[in-house]
Amino acid sequence: MIVEANGINIHYELSGKKQAPVVVLGHSLACSQVMWWPQLELLETHFQVLRYDTRGHGQTDALPGSYTLEQLVADAIGILDALKLDRVHWVGLSMGGMIGQGIALGHPDRLSLLVLADTAAIIPAEAQPVWQERIDAAINGGMQAVAESTLERWFTPEYLRHGGPEVDRIRQQVLATPVAGYVGCSEAIRRLNYLDRLDAVETKTLIMVGADDPGTPVAASEAMHAQIKNSQMVVIPQAAHLSNIEQAQIFNDNLMRFLQL
């Protein structure tokens, strides 16, 4: 399904239990709504589930130029408005969690519950050269130039060796991401700076993070947890960045326990 919102065509899927509360799933950079397959069937038995491709990803328009987090938040609110969804549970991983924070700060009336998985609230100055290197690599060499290093951050070495089809599925997602979308969203992410404002978030929040996540480490989740007064935090063992895939059972158990409170 396609909806026009905030000046672009956004691809989405709405499935699950009709008339039930809506859970929105926000994906990571260089992926798409496809990354939520380990959660989908379980969520659909209890909720309506809205998955969408973020600007520049999947089947959503990939315009050239730098994006901003404010733009990505406006896209998300535009989808909710177009589908006449007043309040939702937001589940965001990595970039999806950053968008969730922006909604919680700017549009708190649209959220019932918030889940922030393997994400961060600020990108420090010392990380800027790393982001520039990734952007330059994608521009000069296409997504194949960043695919393997991305997978090495997203999964533990053990899972990379033995994950098989699941790892390959995510590799194809990375390779299929438009360079314009990767670059545009990377420019938005590198300017992330919500941490000092998170004490204003009143939405009940679950923070989950893989114990071995190198990109948005446990310390980044601890910093968010310290700021969001109505939050709880879970560290998922033997998982890196895509903890929803690598340790799907633990992720799902904690997610459902929180959403069904």
C-alpha atoms as a PDB file:
ATOM      1  CA  MET A   1       0.000   0.000   0.000  1.00  0.00           C
ATOM      2  CA  ILE A   2       1.109   3.560  -0.741  1.00  0.00           C
ATOM      3  CA  VAL A   3       0.143   6.741   1.051  1.00  0.00           C
ATOM      4  CA  GLU A   4       1.191  10.261   0.080  1.00  0.00           C
ATOM      5  CA  ALA A   5       2.452  12.093   3.152  1.00  0.00           C
ATOM      6  CA  ASN A   6       4.834  14.979   3.757  1.00  0.00           C
ATOM      7  CA  GLY A   7       5.471  15.360   0.030  1.00  0.00           C
ATOM      8  CA  ILE A   8       6.512  11.779  -0.751  1.00  0.00           C
ATOM      9  CA  ASN A   9       4.960   8.395  -1.482  1.00  0.00           C
ATOM     10  CA  ILE A  10       5.436   6.092   1.510  1.00  0.00           C
ATOM     11  CA  HIS A  11       5.046   2.325   1.268  1.00  0.00           C
ATOM     12  CA  TYR A  12       3.313   0.629   4.196  1.00  0.00           C
ATOM     13  CA  GLU A  13       1.546  -2.561   5.246  1.00  0.00           C
ATOM     14  CA  LEU A  14      -1.302  -2.689   7.775  1.00  0.00           C
ATOM     15  CA  SER A  15      -2.166  -6.161   9.020  1.00  0.00           C
ATOM     16  CA  GLY A  16      -3.260  -8.099  12.077  1.00  0.00           C
ATOM     17  CA  LYS A  17      -6.245  -7.999  14.401  1.00  0.00           C
ATOM     18  CA  LYS A  18      -8.826  -5.478  13.242  1.00  0.00           C
ATOM     19  CA  GLN A  19     -10.073  -2.933  15.798  1.00  0.00           C
ATOM     20  CA  ALA A  20      -7.153  -3.800  18.107  1.00  0.00           C
ATOM     21  CA  PRO A  21      -4.568  -1.228  19.245  1.00  0.00           C
ATOM     22  CA  VAL A  22      -1.998  -0.350  16.562  1.00  0.00           C
ATOM     23  CA  VAL A  23       1.693  -1.193  16.869  1.00  0.00           C
ATOM     24  CA  VAL A  24       3.961   0.725  14.479  1.00  0.00           C
ATOM     25  CA  LEU A  25       7.302  -0.847  13.576  1.00  0.00           C
ATOM     26  CA  GLY A  26      10.140   1.516  12.599  1.00  0.00           C
ATOM     27  CA  HIS A  27      13.189  -0.111  10.983  1.00  0.00           C
ATOM     28  CA  SER A  28      16.925   0.573  10.960  1.00  0.00           C
ATOM     29  CA  LEU A  29      19.063   2.424   8.444  1.00  0.00           C
ATOM     30  CA  ALA A  30      19.815   0.361   5.305  1.00  0.00           C
ATOM     31  CA  CYS A  31      16.887  -1.966   5.858  1.00  0.00           C
ATOM     32  CA  SER A  32      13.108  -1.881   5.379  1.00  0.00           C
ATOM     33  CA  GLN A  33       9.943  -3.097   7.034  1.00  0.00           C
ATOM     34  CA  VAL A  34      11.052  -6.613   6.060  1.00  0.00           C
ATOM     35  CA  MET A  35      13.435  -6.720   9.066  1.00  0.00           C
ATOM     36  CA  TRP A  36      10.481  -7.258  11.419  1.00  0.00           C
ATOM     37  CA  TRP A  37       9.617 -10.772  10.183  1.00  0.00           C
ATOM     38  CA  PRO A  38      10.516 -12.427  13.548  1.00  0.00           C
ATOM     39  CA  GLN A  39       7.929 -10.270  15.349  1.00  0.00           C
ATOM     40  CA  LEU A  40       5.171 -10.035  12.784  1.00  0.00           C
ATOM     41  CA  GLU A  41       3.128 -13.203  13.311  1.00  0.00           C
ATOM     42  CA  LEU A  42       3.136 -12.851  17.089  1.00  0.00           C
ATOM     43  CA  LEU A  43       2.137  -9.185  17.023  1.00  0.00           C
ATOM     44  CA  GLU A  44      -0.597  -9.782  14.455  1.00  0.00           C
ATOM     45  CA  THR A  45      -2.440 -12.135  16.801  1.00  0.00           C
ATOM     46  CA  HIS A  46      -2.959  -9.349  19.343  1.00  0.00           C
ATOM     47  CA  PHE A  47      -2.628  -6.028  17.500  1.00  0.00           C
ATOM     48  CA  GLN A  48      -3.017  -4.213  14.240  1.00  0.00           C
ATOM     49  CA  VAL A  49       0.529  -3.870  12.914  1.00  0.00           C
ATOM     50  CA  LEU A  50       1.666  -0.946  10.784  1.00  0.00           C
ATOM     51  CA  ARG A  51       5.008  -1.441   9.044  1.00  0.00           C
ATOM     52  CA  TYR A  52       6.394   1.179   6.702  1.00  0.00           C
ATOM     53  CA  ASP A  53       9.524   1.901   4.685  1.00  0.00           C
ATOM     54  CA  THR A  54      11.279   5.021   5.939  1.00  0.00           C
ATOM     55  CA  ARG A  55      12.063   7.808   3.472  1.00  0.00           C
ATOM     56  CA  GLY A  56      14.757   6.608   1.076  1.00  0.00           C
ATOM     57  CA  HIS A  57      14.298   2.921   1.905  1.00  0.00           C
ATOM     58  CA  GLY A  58      12.388  -0.036   0.527  1.00  0.00           C
ATOM     59  CA  GLN A  59       9.593   1.083  -1.789  1.00  0.00           C
ATOM     60  CA  THR A  60       9.282   4.585  -0.328  1.00  0.00           C
ATOM     61  CA  ASP A  61      10.555   7.517  -2.400  1.00  0.00           C
ATOM     62  CA  ALA A  62      14.308   8.119  -2.189  1.00  0.00           C
ATOM     63  CA  LEU A  63      14.874  11.802  -2.885  1.00  0.00           C
ATOM     64  CA  PRO A  64      18.431  13.148  -3.245  1.00  0.00           C
ATOM     65  CA  GLY A  65      19.995  15.363  -0.603  1.00  0.00           C
ATOM     66  CA  SER A  66      20.308  15.357   3.170  1.00  0.00           C
ATOM     67  CA  TYR A  67      17.316  14.439   5.308  1.00  0.00           C
ATOM     68  CA  THR A  68      16.647  15.556   8.871  1.00  0.00           C
ATOM     69  CA  LEU A  69      15.195  13.668  11.814  1.00  0.00           C
ATOM     70  CA  GLU A  70      12.446  16.290  11.927  1.00  0.00           C
ATOM     71  CA  GLN A  71      11.589  15.298   8.362  1.00  0.00           C
ATOM     72  CA  LEU A  72      11.505  11.598   9.250  1.00  0.00           C
ATOM     73  CA  VAL A  73       9.280  12.338  12.238  1.00  0.00           C
ATOM     74  CA  ALA A  74       6.966  14.392  10.017  1.00  0.00           C
ATOM     75  CA  ASP A  75       6.790  11.462   7.581  1.00  0.00           C
ATOM     76  CA  ALA A  76       5.694   9.164  10.404  1.00  0.00           C
ATOM     77  CA  ILE A  77       3.069  11.585  11.671  1.00  0.00           C
ATOM     78  CA  GLY A  78       1.898  12.028   8.081  1.00  0.00           C
ATOM     79  CA  ILE A  79       1.255   8.289   7.795  1.00  0.00           C
ATOM     80  CA  LEU A  80      -0.687   8.229  11.060  1.00  0.00           C
ATOM     81  CA  ASP A  81      -2.770  11.186   9.912  1.00  0.00           C
ATOM     82  CA  ALA A  82      -3.459   9.679   6.492  1.00  0.00           C
ATOM     83  CA  LEU A  83      -4.578   6.395   8.070  1.00  0.00           C
ATOM     84  CA  LYS A  84      -6.546   8.231  10.788  1.00  0.00           C
ATOM     85  CA  LEU A  85      -4.614   6.600  13.611  1.00  0.00           C
ATOM     86  CA  ASP A  86      -4.770   8.821  16.670  1.00  0.00           C
ATOM     87  CA  ARG A  87      -2.623   6.915  19.171  1.00  0.00           C
ATOM     88  CA  VAL A  88      -0.246   4.021  18.615  1.00  0.00           C
ATOM     89  CA  HIS A  89       2.380   1.900  20.290  1.00  0.00           C
ATOM     90  CA  TRP A  90       5.689   2.769  18.614  1.00  0.00           C
ATOM     91  CA  VAL A  91       8.393   0.097  18.341  1.00  0.00           C
ATOM     92  CA  GLY A  92      11.560   1.461  16.762  1.00  0.00           C
ATOM     93  CA  LEU A  93      14.970  -0.143  16.318  1.00  0.00           C
ATOM     94  CA  SER A  94      18.052   1.984  15.639  1.00  0.00           C
ATOM     95  CA  MET A  95      16.875   4.739  13.244  1.00  0.00           C
ATOM     96  CA  GLY A  96      13.296   3.717  14.026  1.00  0.00           C
ATOM     97  CA  GLY A  97      14.017   4.354  17.695  1.00  0.00           C
ATOM     98  CA  MET A  98      15.407   7.783  16.912  1.00  0.00           C
ATOM     99  CA  ILE A  99      12.207   8.629  15.057  1.00  0.00           C
ATOM    100  CA  GLY A 100      10.244   7.309  18.049  1.00  0.00           C
ATOM    101  CA  GLN A 101      12.096   9.669  20.363  1.00  0.00           C
ATOM    102  CA  GLY A 102      11.275  12.566  18.052  1.00  0.00           C
ATOM    103  CA  ILE A 103       7.591  11.656  18.146  1.00  0.00           C
ATOM    104  CA  ALA A 104       7.652  11.327  21.944  1.00  0.00           C
ATOM    105  CA  LEU A 105       9.179  14.810  22.222  1.00  0.00           C
ATOM    106  CA  GLY A 106       7.152  16.598  19.553  1.00  0.00           C
ATOM    107  CA  HIS A 107       3.888  14.648  19.393  1.00  0.00           C
ATOM    108  CA  PRO A 108       3.459  12.848  22.743  1.00  0.00           C
ATOM    109  CA  ASP A 109      -0.314  12.729  22.310  1.00  0.00           C
ATOM    110  CA  ARG A 110       0.129  10.251  19.443  1.00  0.00           C
ATOM    111  CA  LEU A 111       1.853   7.594  21.572  1.00  0.00           C
ATOM    112  CA  SER A 112       0.439   5.130  24.084  1.00  0.00           C
ATOM    113  CA  LEU A 113       3.653   3.156  24.625  1.00  0.00           C
ATOM    114  CA  LEU A 114       7.190   3.533  23.276  1.00  0.00           C
ATOM    115  CA  VAL A 115       9.803   0.838  22.636  1.00  0.00           C
ATOM    116  CA  LEU A 116      13.366   1.931  21.851  1.00  0.00           C
ATOM    117  CA  ALA A 117      15.550  -0.949  20.670  1.00  0.00           C
ATOM    118  CA  ASP A 118      19.267  -0.798  19.907  1.00  0.00           C
ATOM    119  CA  THR A 119      19.234   2.946  19.440  1.00  0.00           C
ATOM    120  CA  ALA A 120      20.795   6.105  20.838  1.00  0.00           C
ATOM    121  CA  ALA A 121      19.797   9.654  21.685  1.00  0.00           C
ATOM    122  CA  ILE A 122      22.966  11.468  20.612  1.00  0.00           C
ATOM    123  CA  ILE A 123      25.784  10.978  18.113  1.00  0.00           C
ATOM    124  CA  PRO A 124      29.005  12.277  19.702  1.00  0.00           C
ATOM    125  CA  ALA A 125      31.459  14.500  17.872  1.00  0.00           C
ATOM    126  CA  GLU A 126      34.093  11.750  17.791  1.00  0.00           C
ATOM    127  CA  ALA A 127      31.746   9.561  15.722  1.00  0.00           C
ATOM    128  CA  GLN A 128      31.316  12.126  12.930  1.00  0.00           C
ATOM    129  CA  PRO A 129      34.357  10.959  10.904  1.00  0.00           C
ATOM    130  CA  VAL A 130      33.000   7.388  10.988  1.00  0.00           C
ATOM    131  CA  TRP A 131      29.671   8.541   9.581  1.00  0.00           C
ATOM    132  CA  GLN A 132      31.463  10.546   6.884  1.00  0.00           C
ATOM    133  CA  GLU A 133      33.475   7.477   5.901  1.00  0.00           C
ATOM    134  CA  ARG A 134      30.307   5.414   5.507  1.00  0.00           C
ATOM    135  CA  ILE A 135      28.615   8.113   3.462  1.00  0.00           C
ATOM    136  CA  ASP A 136      31.663   8.508   1.198  1.00  0.00           C
ATOM    137  CA  ALA A 137      31.964   4.733   0.759  1.00  0.00           C
ATOM    138  CA  ALA A 138      28.334   4.429  -0.343  1.00  0.00           C
ATOM    139  CA  ILE A 139      28.574   7.379  -2.721  1.00  0.00           C
ATOM    140  CA  ASN A 140      31.790   6.120  -4.305  1.00  0.00           C
ATOM    141  CA  GLY A 141      31.212   2.373  -4.242  1.00  0.00           C
ATOM    142  CA  GLY A 142      27.489   1.780  -3.886  1.00  0.00           C
ATOM    143  CA  MET A 143      25.874  -0.201  -1.098  1.00  0.00           C
ATOM    144  CA  GLN A 144      28.133  -3.177  -1.731  1.00  0.00           C
ATOM    145  CA  ALA A 145      30.965  -1.033  -0.326  1.00  0.00           C
ATOM    146  CA  VAL A 146      29.261  -0.847   3.085  1.00  0.00           C
ATOM    147  CA  ALA A 147      27.284  -4.107   3.211  1.00  0.00           C
ATOM    148  CA  GLU A 148      29.769  -6.452   4.899  1.00  0.00           C
ATOM    149  CA  SER A 149      30.965  -3.937   7.484  1.00  0.00           C
ATOM    150  CA  THR A 150      27.313  -3.214   8.268  1.00  0.00           C
ATOM    151  CA  LEU A 151      26.572  -6.898   8.872  1.00  0.00           C
ATOM    152  CA  GLU A 152      29.625  -7.151  11.127  1.00  0.00           C
ATOM    153  CA  ARG A 153      28.134  -4.425  13.335  1.00  0.00           C
ATOM    154  CA  TRP A 154      24.628  -5.824  13.219  1.00  0.00           C
ATOM    155  CA  PHE A 155      25.343  -9.430  14.211  1.00  0.00           C
ATOM    156  CA  THR A 156      27.771 -11.166  16.542  1.00  0.00           C
ATOM    157  CA  PRO A 157      30.569 -13.155  14.835  1.00  0.00           C
ATOM    158  CA  GLU A 158      28.912 -16.395  15.921  1.00  0.00           C
ATOM    159  CA  TYR A 159      25.589 -15.452  14.348  1.00  0.00           C
ATOM    160  CA  LEU A 160      27.285 -14.237  11.176  1.00  0.00           C
ATOM    161  CA  ARG A 161      28.871 -17.672  10.809  1.00  0.00           C
ATOM    162  CA  HIS A 162      25.727 -19.672  11.546  1.00  0.00           C
ATOM    163  CA  GLY A 163      22.777 -17.359  10.858  1.00  0.00           C
ATOM    164  CA  GLY A 164      22.439 -18.598   7.307  1.00  0.00           C
ATOM    165  CA  PRO A 165      19.248 -17.458   5.528  1.00  0.00           C
ATOM    166  CA  GLU A 166      18.489 -14.761   8.109  1.00  0.00           C
ATOM    167  CA  VAL A 167      21.851 -13.082   7.571  1.00  0.00           C
ATOM    168  CA  ASP A 168      21.506 -13.383   3.800  1.00  0.00           C
ATOM    169  CA  ARG A 169      18.043 -11.849   3.967  1.00  0.00           C
ATOM    170  CA  ILE A 170      19.400  -8.792   5.756  1.00  0.00           C
ATOM    171  CA  ARG A 171      22.398  -8.605   3.411  1.00  0.00           C
ATOM    172  CA  GLN A 172      19.956  -8.334   0.502  1.00  0.00           C
ATOM    173  CA  GLN A 173      18.096  -5.572   2.340  1.00  0.00           C
ATOM    174  CA  VAL A 174      21.292  -3.570   2.719  1.00  0.00           C
ATOM    175  CA  LEU A 175      22.264  -4.063  -0.921  1.00  0.00           C
ATOM    176  CA  ALA A 176      18.778  -3.057  -2.096  1.00  0.00           C
ATOM    177  CA  THR A 177      18.777   0.237  -0.186  1.00  0.00           C
ATOM    178  CA  PRO A 178      19.023   3.230  -2.539  1.00  0.00           C
ATOM    179  CA  VAL A 179      22.294   5.096  -2.041  1.00  0.00           C
ATOM    180  CA  ALA A 180      20.352   8.371  -1.922  1.00  0.00           C
ATOM    181  CA  GLY A 181      18.248   7.042   0.947  1.00  0.00           C
ATOM    182  CA  TYR A 182      21.239   5.683   2.842  1.00  0.00           C
ATOM    183  CA  VAL A 183      23.099   8.961   2.511  1.00  0.00           C
ATOM    184  CA  GLY A 184      20.059  11.123   3.254  1.00  0.00           C
ATOM    185  CA  CYS A 185      19.167   9.207   6.418  1.00  0.00           C
ATOM    186  CA  SER A 186      22.808   8.965   7.513  1.00  0.00           C
ATOM    187  CA  GLU A 187      22.962  12.757   7.412  1.00  0.00           C
ATOM    188  CA  ALA A 188      19.870  12.862   9.632  1.00  0.00           C
ATOM    189  CA  ILE A 189      21.242  10.316  12.106  1.00  0.00           C
ATOM    190  CA  ARG A 190      24.643  11.932  12.484  1.00  0.00           C
ATOM    191  CA  ARG A 191      22.919  15.087  13.770  1.00  0.00           C
ATOM    192  CA  LEU A 192      20.932  13.216  16.426  1.00  0.00           C
ATOM    193  CA  ASN A 193      20.880  15.213  19.662  1.00  0.00           C
ATOM    194  CA  TYR A 194      17.859  14.351  21.802  1.00  0.00           C
ATOM    195  CA  LEU A 195      19.549  13.177  25.006  1.00  0.00           C
ATOM    196  CA  ASP A 196      19.303  16.364  27.049  1.00  0.00           C
ATOM    197  CA  ARG A 197      15.602  16.666  26.192  1.00  0.00           C
ATOM    198  CA  LEU A 198      14.512  13.137  27.079  1.00  0.00           C
ATOM    199  CA  ASP A 199      13.629  14.087  30.644  1.00  0.00           C
ATOM    200  CA  ALA A 200      10.510  15.654  29.095  1.00  0.00           C
ATOM    201  CA  VAL A 201       9.291  12.279  27.767  1.00  0.00           C
ATOM    202  CA  GLU A 202       6.347  11.012  29.806  1.00  0.00           C
ATOM    203  CA  THR A 203       5.356   8.085  27.580  1.00  0.00           C
ATOM    204  CA  LYS A 204       5.907   4.732  29.257  1.00  0.00           C
ATOM    205  CA  THR A 205       9.030   3.361  27.580  1.00  0.00           C
ATOM    206  CA  LEU A 206      10.799   0.026  27.194  1.00  0.00           C
ATOM    207  CA  ILE A 207      14.469   0.231  26.208  1.00  0.00           C
ATOM    208  CA  MET A 208      16.090  -2.933  24.817  1.00  0.00           C
ATOM    209  CA  VAL A 209      19.662  -3.386  23.650  1.00  0.00           C
ATOM    210  CA  GLY A 210      21.896  -6.250  22.579  1.00  0.00           C
ATOM    211  CA  ALA A 211      24.696  -6.833  25.071  1.00  0.00           C
ATOM    212  CA  ASP A 212      27.205  -6.921  22.206  1.00  0.00           C
ATOM    213  CA  ASP A 213      25.844  -4.011  20.139  1.00  0.00           C
ATOM    214  CA  PRO A 214      28.890  -1.980  18.993  1.00  0.00           C
ATOM    215  CA  GLY A 215      26.980   0.755  17.176  1.00  0.00           C
ATOM    216  CA  THR A 216      24.457   1.769  19.830  1.00  0.00           C
ATOM    217  CA  PRO A 217      26.033   0.149  22.894  1.00  0.00           C
ATOM    218  CA  VAL A 218      24.538  -0.609  26.283  1.00  0.00           C
ATOM    219  CA  ALA A 219      25.900   2.708  27.572  1.00  0.00           C
ATOM    220  CA  ALA A 220      23.743   4.589  25.055  1.00  0.00           C
ATOM    221  CA  SER A 221      20.646   2.795  26.343  1.00  0.00           C
ATOM    222  CA  GLU A 222      21.657   3.458  29.948  1.00  0.00           C
ATOM    223  CA  ALA A 223      21.898   7.172  29.133  1.00  0.00           C
ATOM    224  CA  MET A 224      18.351   7.164  27.708  1.00  0.00           C
ATOM    225  CA  HIS A 225      17.063   5.123  30.638  1.00  0.00           C
ATOM    226  CA  ALA A 226      18.525   7.667  33.082  1.00  0.00           C
ATOM    227  CA  GLN A 227      16.723  10.502  31.316  1.00  0.00           C
ATOM    228  CA  ILE A 228      13.306   8.936  30.631  1.00  0.00           C
ATOM    229  CA  LYS A 229      11.727   8.735  34.050  1.00  0.00           C
ATOM    230  CA  ASN A 230       8.996   6.270  33.117  1.00  0.00           C
ATOM    231  CA  SER A 231      11.287   3.731  31.475  1.00  0.00           C
ATOM    232  CA  GLN A 232      12.557   0.215  31.991  1.00  0.00           C
ATOM    233  CA  MET A 233      15.606  -1.345  30.368  1.00  0.00           C
ATOM    234  CA  VAL A 234      16.470  -4.867  29.209  1.00  0.00           C
ATOM    235  CA  VAL A 235      19.898  -6.032  28.021  1.00  0.00           C
ATOM    236  CA  ILE A 236      19.596  -8.955  25.611  1.00  0.00           C
ATOM    237  CA  PRO A 237      22.499 -11.418  25.888  1.00  0.00           C
ATOM    238  CA  GLN A 238      24.421 -12.727  22.888  1.00  0.00           C
ATOM    239  CA  ALA A 239      23.024 -10.149  20.496  1.00  0.00           C
ATOM    240  CA  ALA A 240      24.495  -7.252  18.576  1.00  0.00           C
ATOM    241  CA  HIS A 241      22.544  -4.497  16.778  1.00  0.00           C
ATOM    242  CA  LEU A 242      19.649  -6.444  15.251  1.00  0.00           C
ATOM    243  CA  SER A 243      18.669  -8.063  18.531  1.00  0.00           C
ATOM    244  CA  ASN A 244      15.126  -8.579  17.214  1.00  0.00           C
ATOM    245  CA  ILE A 245      16.547 -11.131  14.768  1.00  0.00           C
ATOM    246  CA  GLU A 246      19.539 -12.592  16.577  1.00  0.00           C
ATOM    247  CA  GLN A 247      17.645 -13.235  19.819  1.00  0.00           C
ATOM    248  CA  ALA A 248      14.081 -13.070  18.553  1.00  0.00           C
ATOM    249  CA  GLN A 249      12.556 -15.135  21.384  1.00  0.00           C
ATOM    250  CA  ILE A 250      14.002 -12.969  24.174  1.00  0.00           C
ATOM    251  CA  PHE A 251      13.143  -9.809  22.236  1.00  0.00           C
ATOM    252  CA  ASN A 252       9.572 -10.990  21.630  1.00  0.00           C
ATOM    253  CA  ASP A 253       9.000 -12.103  25.214  1.00  0.00           C
ATOM    254  CA  ASN A 254      10.021  -8.711  26.585  1.00  0.00           C
ATOM    255  CA  LEU A 255       8.154  -6.822  23.865  1.00  0.00           C
ATOM    256  CA  MET A 256       4.857  -8.640  24.414  1.00  0.00           C
ATOM    257  CA  ARG A 257       5.123  -8.424  28.198  1.00  0.00           C
ATOM    258  CA  PHE A 258       5.484  -4.651  27.873  1.00  0.00           C
ATOM    259  CA  LEU A 259       2.807  -4.088  25.215  1.00  0.00           C
ATOM    260  CA  GLN A 260       0.207  -6.138  27.062  1.00  0.00           C
ATOM    261  CA  LEU A 261       0.616  -4.341  30.404  1.00  0.00           C
END
